[in-house]
Protein backbone atom coordinates (compact mmCIF):
# COMPACT_ATOMS: atom_id res chain seq x y z
CA UNK A 1 10.00 1.86 -24.57
CA UNK A 2 12.43 -0.88 -23.55
CA UNK A 3 12.78 -1.58 -19.84
CA UNK A 4 15.84 -2.89 -18.09
CA UNK A 5 16.09 -4.10 -14.54
CA UNK A 6 18.88 -3.83 -12.01
CA UNK A 7 18.36 -6.08 -8.99
CA UNK A 8 21.32 -6.02 -6.63
CA UNK A 9 20.36 -7.14 -3.16
CA UNK A 10 22.10 -7.53 0.20
CA UNK A 11 21.32 -10.60 2.24
CA UNK A 12 21.07 -8.65 5.51
CA UNK A 13 18.55 -5.83 5.21
CA UNK A 14 19.28 -4.62 8.72
CA UNK A 15 22.59 -3.23 7.47
CA UNK A 16 22.82 0.34 6.13
CA UNK A 17 22.44 0.75 2.40
CA UNK A 18 18.84 -0.41 1.95
CA UNK A 19 18.51 2.14 -0.84
CA UNK A 20 21.21 0.30 -2.80
CA UNK A 21 19.26 -2.97 -2.59
CA UNK A 22 16.04 -1.87 -4.22
CA UNK A 23 15.06 -3.06 -7.69
CA UNK A 24 15.06 -0.54 -10.49
CA UNK A 25 13.11 -0.62 -13.72
CA UNK A 26 14.51 1.84 -16.23
CA UNK A 27 11.43 3.93 -16.94
CA UNK A 28 9.71 7.12 -15.87
CA UNK A 29 6.09 7.52 -14.89
CA UNK A 30 4.97 10.35 -17.14
CA UNK A 31 1.87 12.46 -16.39
CA UNK A 32 -0.12 10.41 -18.90
CA UNK A 33 0.56 7.31 -16.77
CA UNK A 34 -0.85 8.82 -13.58
CA UNK A 35 -4.43 8.32 -12.46
CA UNK A 36 -5.32 11.93 -11.61
CA UNK A 37 -8.99 11.23 -10.87
CA UNK A 38 -10.95 8.32 -9.40
CA UNK A 39 -12.49 6.10 -12.09
CA UNK A 40 -15.96 7.25 -10.99
CA UNK A 41 -14.96 10.76 -12.10
CA UNK A 42 -13.76 9.35 -15.43
CA UNK A 43 -17.14 7.84 -16.27
CA UNK A 44 -16.30 4.34 -15.02
CA UNK A 45 -17.45 2.09 -12.22
CA UNK A 46 -14.86 1.07 -9.68
CA UNK A 47 -14.63 -2.37 -11.23
CA UNK A 48 -14.12 -1.07 -14.78
CA UNK A 49 -10.46 -0.14 -14.37
CA UNK A 50 -8.06 -2.10 -16.52
CA UNK A 51 -6.55 -5.38 -15.39
CA UNK A 52 -3.33 -6.92 -16.69
CA UNK A 53 -3.06 -10.65 -16.02
CA UNK A 54 0.39 -12.23 -15.96
CA UNK A 55 1.91 -15.44 -14.61
CA UNK A 56 4.79 -16.18 -12.28
CA UNK A 57 6.60 -18.57 -14.58
CA UNK A 58 5.51 -17.87 -18.15
CA UNK A 59 5.34 -14.79 -20.33
CA UNK A 60 1.66 -14.90 -21.30
CA UNK A 61 0.09 -11.47 -20.73
CA UNK A 62 -3.64 -10.72 -21.00
CA UNK A 63 -5.23 -7.27 -21.02
CA UNK A 64 -8.78 -7.11 -19.71
CA UNK A 65 -10.98 -5.22 -17.26
CA UNK A 66 -11.30 -5.77 -13.53
CA UNK A 67 -14.96 -6.77 -13.71
CA UNK A 68 -13.72 -9.85 -15.60
CA UNK A 69 -11.71 -11.03 -12.57
CA UNK A 70 -13.93 -14.11 -11.97
CA UNK A 71 -12.83 -15.40 -15.38
CA UNK A 72 -9.25 -15.77 -14.12
CA UNK A 73 -10.06 -17.39 -10.78
CA UNK A 74 -11.61 -20.75 -10.03
CA UNK A 75 -13.64 -22.51 -7.37
CA UNK A 76 -11.45 -23.33 -4.39
CA UNK A 77 -9.32 -20.18 -4.65
CA UNK A 78 -9.22 -17.78 -1.71
CA UNK A 79 -8.71 -14.03 -1.96
CA UNK A 80 -7.05 -12.66 1.18
CA UNK A 81 -8.15 -9.06 1.74
CA UNK A 82 -6.95 -6.26 3.99
CA UNK A 83 -10.01 -4.81 5.74
CA UNK A 84 -8.17 -1.86 7.28
CA UNK A 85 -10.12 1.36 6.80
CA UNK A 86 -8.52 4.59 5.61
CA UNK A 87 -8.56 7.49 8.05
CA UNK A 88 -8.48 11.24 7.32
CA UNK A 89 -4.78 11.30 8.09
CA UNK A 90 -3.83 14.75 6.72
CA UNK A 91 -4.15 17.93 8.80
CA UNK A 92 -3.38 21.53 7.89
CA UNK A 93 -0.80 22.93 10.32
CA UNK A 94 1.58 25.87 10.54
CA UNK A 95 4.85 26.70 12.21
CA UNK A 96 5.25 29.57 14.65
CA UNK A 97 6.68 31.63 11.78
CA UNK A 98 3.39 31.24 9.92
CA UNK A 99 4.58 28.77 7.26
CA UNK A 100 1.65 26.55 6.24
CA UNK A 101 2.32 22.82 6.01
CA UNK A 102 0.47 19.52 6.00
CA UNK A 103 0.97 17.02 8.78
CA UNK A 104 0.41 13.42 7.67
CA UNK A 105 -0.29 10.94 10.43
CA UNK A 106 1.33 7.67 9.45
CA UNK A 107 1.34 5.13 12.26
CA UNK A 108 0.04 5.32 15.82
CA UNK A 109 2.73 4.25 18.31
CA UNK A 110 0.96 5.02 21.60
CA UNK A 111 -2.08 6.90 22.86
CA UNK A 112 -0.86 10.32 21.71
CA UNK A 113 2.37 9.44 19.88
CA UNK A 114 2.52 8.98 16.11
CA UNK A 115 4.96 8.52 13.29
CA UNK A 116 4.28 11.58 11.13
CA UNK A 117 5.46 13.36 8.01
CA UNK A 118 5.52 17.10 7.33
CA UNK A 119 4.93 18.18 3.75
CA UNK A 120 5.07 21.56 2.06
CA UNK A 121 2.21 21.86 -0.41
CA UNK A 122 2.25 24.52 -3.10
CA UNK A 123 0.28 25.03 -6.29
CA UNK A 124 2.85 23.09 -8.30
CA UNK A 125 4.43 20.67 -5.85
CA UNK A 126 4.03 18.52 -2.75
CA UNK A 127 7.32 17.62 -1.09
CA UNK A 128 8.60 16.44 2.30
CA UNK A 129 9.55 19.29 4.60
CA UNK A 130 12.84 18.71 6.43
CA UNK A 131 13.53 22.03 8.18
CA UNK A 132 11.51 21.56 11.39
CA UNK A 133 13.50 20.64 14.50
CA UNK A 134 12.99 18.31 17.44
CA UNK A 135 11.09 20.08 20.21
CA UNK A 136 9.27 22.34 17.77
CA UNK A 137 5.50 22.76 18.07
CA UNK A 138 3.24 22.65 15.06
CA UNK A 139 -0.03 24.53 15.50
CA UNK A 140 -3.09 22.46 14.59
CA UNK A 141 -6.67 23.62 13.99
CA UNK A 142 -9.10 23.83 16.90
CA UNK A 143 -6.45 24.47 19.52
CA UNK A 144 -4.40 21.32 18.91
CA UNK A 145 -0.64 21.00 18.59
CA UNK A 146 1.95 18.47 17.51
CA UNK A 147 5.31 18.46 19.30
CA UNK A 148 8.13 16.95 17.25
CA UNK A 149 10.09 14.51 19.41
CA UNK A 150 12.75 13.09 17.09
CA UNK A 151 13.41 11.62 13.69
CA UNK A 152 11.94 8.19 13.24
CA UNK A 153 14.83 5.72 13.65
CA UNK A 154 13.65 3.55 10.76
CA UNK A 155 14.07 6.33 8.20
CA UNK A 156 16.93 6.85 5.79
CA UNK A 157 18.63 9.80 4.18
CA UNK A 158 17.26 13.12 5.44
CA UNK A 159 14.90 11.53 7.99
CA UNK A 160 11.61 12.25 6.27
CA UNK A 161 9.56 10.58 8.99
CA UNK A 162 9.40 11.84 12.57
CA UNK A 163 7.89 10.93 15.91
CA UNK A 164 5.46 13.50 17.33
CA UNK A 165 3.22 13.84 20.37
CA UNK A 166 -0.26 15.14 19.62
CA UNK A 167 -2.18 17.35 22.05
CA UNK A 168 -5.77 17.52 20.86
CA UNK A 169 -8.96 19.08 22.26
CA UNK A 170 -10.91 15.83 21.71
CA UNK A 171 -10.31 12.16 20.97
CA UNK A 172 -8.32 11.43 17.82
CA UNK A 173 -11.21 9.90 15.86
CA UNK A 174 -13.47 12.88 16.47
CA UNK A 175 -10.65 15.29 15.75
CA UNK A 176 -9.77 13.74 12.38
CA UNK A 177 -13.41 13.53 11.41
CA UNK A 178 -13.73 17.28 12.02
CA UNK A 179 -10.37 18.61 10.85
CA UNK A 180 -8.67 15.86 8.86
CA UNK A 181 -8.81 14.98 5.17
CA UNK A 182 -7.41 12.15 3.01
CA UNK A 183 -3.72 12.25 2.17
CA UNK A 184 -3.32 13.41 -1.42
CA UNK A 185 -0.20 13.77 -3.56
CA UNK A 186 0.40 16.14 -6.44
CA UNK A 187 -0.59 13.67 -9.17
CA UNK A 188 -4.20 13.76 -7.87
CA UNK A 189 -5.46 17.11 -9.11
CA UNK A 190 -8.50 17.59 -6.86
CA UNK A 191 -9.63 16.85 -3.33
CA UNK A 192 -12.03 13.93 -2.97
CA UNK A 193 -14.17 12.76 -0.05
CA UNK A 194 -12.94 9.97 2.18
CA UNK A 195 -15.43 7.55 0.56
CA UNK A 196 -13.28 7.55 -2.57
CA UNK A 197 -10.40 6.25 -0.45
CA UNK A 198 -12.27 3.31 1.11
CA UNK A 199 -12.48 -0.26 -0.05
CA UNK A 200 -16.05 -1.56 0.05
CA UNK A 201 -15.10 -4.26 2.60
CA UNK A 202 -13.10 -1.96 4.93
CA UNK A 203 -14.17 -2.24 8.57
CA UNK A 204 -11.49 -1.15 11.07
CA UNK A 205 -10.04 2.39 10.86
CA UNK A 206 -6.26 2.63 10.96
CA UNK A 207 -4.60 3.08 7.54
CA UNK A 208 -3.01 6.41 6.67
CA UNK A 209 -3.43 5.56 2.99
CA UNK A 210 -5.84 3.22 1.27
CA UNK A 211 -4.74 -0.40 0.73
CA UNK A 212 -5.59 0.39 -2.88
CA UNK A 213 -5.27 -3.05 -4.51
CA UNK A 214 -8.78 -3.75 -3.29
CA UNK A 215 -10.38 -0.50 -4.40
CA UNK A 216 -11.92 -1.91 -7.59
CA UNK A 217 -14.05 -4.49 -5.80
CA UNK A 218 -17.78 -3.80 -5.71
CA UNK A 219 -20.50 -5.65 -3.76
CA UNK A 220 -21.81 -7.04 -7.02
CA UNK A 221 -18.42 -8.39 -8.06
CA UNK A 222 -17.86 -9.96 -4.64
CA UNK A 223 -21.25 -11.67 -4.96
CA UNK A 224 -20.22 -13.13 -8.33
CA UNK A 225 -16.95 -14.40 -6.87
CA UNK A 226 -18.62 -16.06 -3.89
CA UNK A 227 -21.27 -17.62 -6.14
CA UNK A 228 -18.42 -19.06 -8.23
CA UNK A 229 -16.93 -20.79 -5.18
CA UNK A 230 -14.16 -18.27 -4.50
CA UNK A 231 -13.76 -17.42 -0.82
CA UNK A 232 -12.62 -14.21 0.86
CA UNK A 233 -10.44 -14.24 3.98
CA UNK A 234 -9.95 -11.00 5.96
CA UNK A 235 -6.96 -9.68 7.87
CA UNK A 236 -5.80 -6.25 9.03
CA UNK A 237 -2.60 -4.40 8.26
CA UNK A 238 -2.74 -0.68 8.97
CA UNK A 239 -0.69 1.04 6.28
CA UNK A 240 1.50 4.05 6.90
CA UNK A 241 2.42 6.75 4.41
CA UNK A 242 3.58 5.22 1.15
CA UNK A 243 5.48 8.12 -0.41
CA UNK A 244 8.93 6.65 0.09
CA UNK A 245 10.73 9.24 -2.03
CA UNK A 246 14.07 8.59 -0.35
CA UNK A 247 14.10 4.81 -0.79
CA UNK A 248 13.39 4.06 2.86
CA UNK A 249 13.26 0.53 4.07
CA UNK A 250 9.66 -0.40 5.00
CA UNK A 251 9.00 0.34 8.65
CA UNK A 252 7.00 -1.55 11.26
CA UNK A 253 3.24 -1.79 10.69
CA UNK A 254 0.49 -3.18 12.90
CA UNK A 255 -1.24 -6.35 11.67
CA UNK A 256 -3.74 -8.95 12.82
CA UNK A 257 -4.31 -12.32 11.15
CA UNK A 258 -7.40 -13.98 12.72
CA UNK A 259 -7.48 -17.68 13.52
CA UNK A 260 -10.33 -18.26 11.07
CA UNK A 261 -8.30 -16.69 8.24
CA UNK A 262 -5.21 -18.75 9.05
CA UNK A 263 -7.28 -21.95 9.19
CA UNK A 264 -9.01 -21.17 5.90
CA UNK A 265 -5.74 -20.51 4.07
CA UNK A 266 -4.22 -23.73 5.40
CA UNK A 267 -7.33 -25.68 4.38
CA UNK A 268 -7.34 -24.21 0.86
CA UNK A 269 -3.69 -25.05 0.37
CA UNK A 270 -4.20 -28.62 1.62
CA UNK A 271 -6.82 -29.06 -1.09
CA UNK A 272 -4.60 -27.59 -3.83
CA UNK A 273 -6.52 -24.32 -3.99
CA UNK A 274 -4.72 -21.07 -4.72
CA UNK A 275 -4.10 -18.30 -2.19
CA UNK A 276 -4.28 -14.91 -3.90
CA UNK A 277 -3.23 -11.87 -1.86
CA UNK A 278 -5.09 -8.64 -2.57
CA UNK A 279 -2.26 -6.17 -2.15
CA UNK A 280 1.34 -6.20 -1.00
CA UNK A 281 0.14 -5.35 2.53
CA UNK A 282 -1.56 -8.75 2.65
CA UNK A 283 1.64 -10.47 1.52
CA UNK A 284 3.58 -8.75 4.29
CA UNK A 285 1.05 -9.75 6.96
CA UNK A 286 0.72 -13.38 5.86
CA UNK A 287 4.44 -13.90 5.40
CA UNK A 288 4.95 -12.59 8.93
CA UNK A 289 2.90 -15.49 10.35
CA UNK A 290 4.14 -18.21 7.98
CA UNK A 291 6.08 -21.01 9.60
CA UNK A 292 9.11 -22.84 8.24
CA UNK A 293 6.81 -25.62 7.07
CA UNK A 294 4.70 -23.13 5.09
CA UNK A 295 1.69 -23.27 7.43
CA UNK A 296 -0.08 -20.05 8.44
CA UNK A 297 -0.66 -19.19 12.10
CA UNK A 298 -2.90 -16.59 13.66
CA UNK A 299 -0.97 -13.58 14.88
CA UNK A 300 -1.13 -9.96 15.94
CA UNK A 301 1.50 -7.30 16.53
CA UNK A 302 4.04 -5.18 14.66
CA UNK A 303 5.62 -6.71 11.61
CA UNK A 304 9.22 -5.95 10.70
CA UNK A 305 9.03 -8.22 7.66
CA UNK A 306 10.97 -6.95 4.64
CA UNK A 307 10.30 -9.07 1.57
CA UNK A 308 12.92 -9.20 -1.18
CA UNK A 309 13.71 -11.55 -4.08
CA UNK A 310 15.88 -13.44 -1.59
CA UNK A 311 12.80 -14.22 0.51
CA UNK A 312 11.35 -17.71 0.24
CA UNK A 313 7.79 -16.54 -0.38
CA UNK A 314 5.74 -19.59 0.59
CA UNK A 315 2.66 -17.82 1.96
CA UNK A 316 0.80 -16.94 -1.27
CA UNK A 317 0.43 -18.32 -4.77
CA UNK A 318 -0.64 -15.14 -6.54
CA UNK A 319 -1.09 -11.42 -6.07
CA UNK A 320 -3.50 -8.70 -7.12
CA UNK A 321 -1.73 -5.37 -6.95
CA UNK A 322 -1.38 -1.96 -8.51
CA UNK A 323 1.51 -0.72 -10.63
CA UNK A 324 4.53 0.39 -8.66
CA UNK A 325 7.29 2.95 -8.97
CA UNK A 326 10.92 2.02 -9.63
CA UNK A 327 13.04 1.50 -6.50
CA UNK A 328 10.06 0.71 -4.30
CA UNK A 329 9.71 -1.96 -1.64
CA UNK A 330 6.41 -2.95 -3.29
CA UNK A 331 8.26 -3.86 -6.47
CA UNK A 332 10.66 -5.90 -4.37
CA UNK A 333 7.72 -8.00 -3.18
CA UNK A 334 6.66 -8.60 -6.79
CA UNK A 335 10.16 -9.82 -7.59
CA UNK A 336 9.95 -12.30 -4.72
CA UNK A 337 6.89 -13.78 -6.42
CA UNK A 338 7.38 -13.46 -10.19
CA UNK A 339 10.27 -14.11 -12.55
CA UNK A 340 12.29 -10.98 -13.28
CA UNK A 341 11.89 -11.21 -17.05
CA UNK A 342 8.13 -11.70 -16.76
CA UNK A 343 7.84 -8.62 -14.60
CA UNK A 344 9.98 -6.57 -16.97
CA UNK A 345 7.79 -7.52 -19.92
CA UNK A 346 4.61 -6.82 -17.93
CA UNK A 347 5.70 -3.30 -17.05
CA UNK A 348 6.81 -2.65 -20.59
CA UNK A 349 3.35 -3.61 -21.86
CA UNK A 350 1.66 -1.57 -19.13
CA UNK A 351 3.51 1.53 -20.34
CA UNK A 352 2.88 0.80 -24.01
CA UNK A 353 -0.83 0.22 -23.40
CA UNK A 354 -1.43 3.30 -21.30
CA UNK A 355 -2.09 1.73 -17.92
CA UNK A 356 -2.52 4.14 -15.02
CA UNK A 357 -0.46 4.16 -11.82
CA UNK A 358 -1.31 5.05 -8.18
CA UNK A 359 -4.31 4.50 -5.93
CA UNK A 360 -6.98 5.38 -8.51
CA UNK A 361 -5.22 3.49 -11.29
CA UNK A 362 -5.26 0.09 -12.97
CA UNK A 363 -4.43 -3.31 -11.53
CA UNK A 364 -2.11 -6.25 -12.14
CA UNK A 365 -3.00 -9.87 -11.34
CA UNK A 366 -0.07 -12.27 -11.02
CA UNK A 367 -1.16 -15.91 -11.16
CA UNK A 368 0.82 -19.14 -10.66
């Protein structure tokens, strides 16, 4: 299958028309390309998923397995990881007319206020639900309710995301532990426990969906990396829902880059080491705190950073990531890092070689 790419971008991403600025690769993700089950349920360890290794400025492509990652890194490199922990962000709810829906908690705005998404889940589909109105109450299990306040102003098109106030019979952590479950889309054919949606180094709850680029790491593999002289630097970016079916511009997400992480990255770069981001969430967080001179500063808050091919991406040298859908903001970040033709060839080979997409799928390492 031959891929083509259309990359028309506006310089000002605050203007309307974000959906017209997204990159497109001319391909479809067929069912055979979707990771329907975690690798552990396919007879593999986490670190035995496939790994495609490419380079930013040449067309050499290597196909290997993730447990061979140390082969492609070297002493002095630093892997920057997102230690945000996945929460049970999905809740079964129903409208006053009895219609059953799922409420997906995306991003916490205040004590009881969240960015949320309503989805209608049937045997054959799982789609955003647009018919609920502002002021409407959704009935939650255990005597809770969610009152829809308004559409989220950062959305596009039919306003898939909304702001809601939650009224719960207990604190949010206890409530989600009792009534919540991991967000799951139709390509995943079965429900899995929250442990399948956690990275082994996750520490601080807050992500609606797993920062999945780090899922394949195991304690044993991390030990091998550290023994080889490769360092790990943690940060937090709490991810919201990632199912941007209507080409929304990325919305604000909470991040924290510790001083120790900023200092380590700056030190590694001063000694000609390579900074490899584990996931596009890490790129977004680091780029947010990167100065004009390329130095990294500690920081905490809400990032509005939107990374495109027009972005001068000086914060990282490489990226470990999954495989992304056409017209996604994640793919836009890849195009800010890698040459367009290299990326086109990489995705063409991923399709031809049966790589798997989505959170339980295979991985792509982009090196300098």
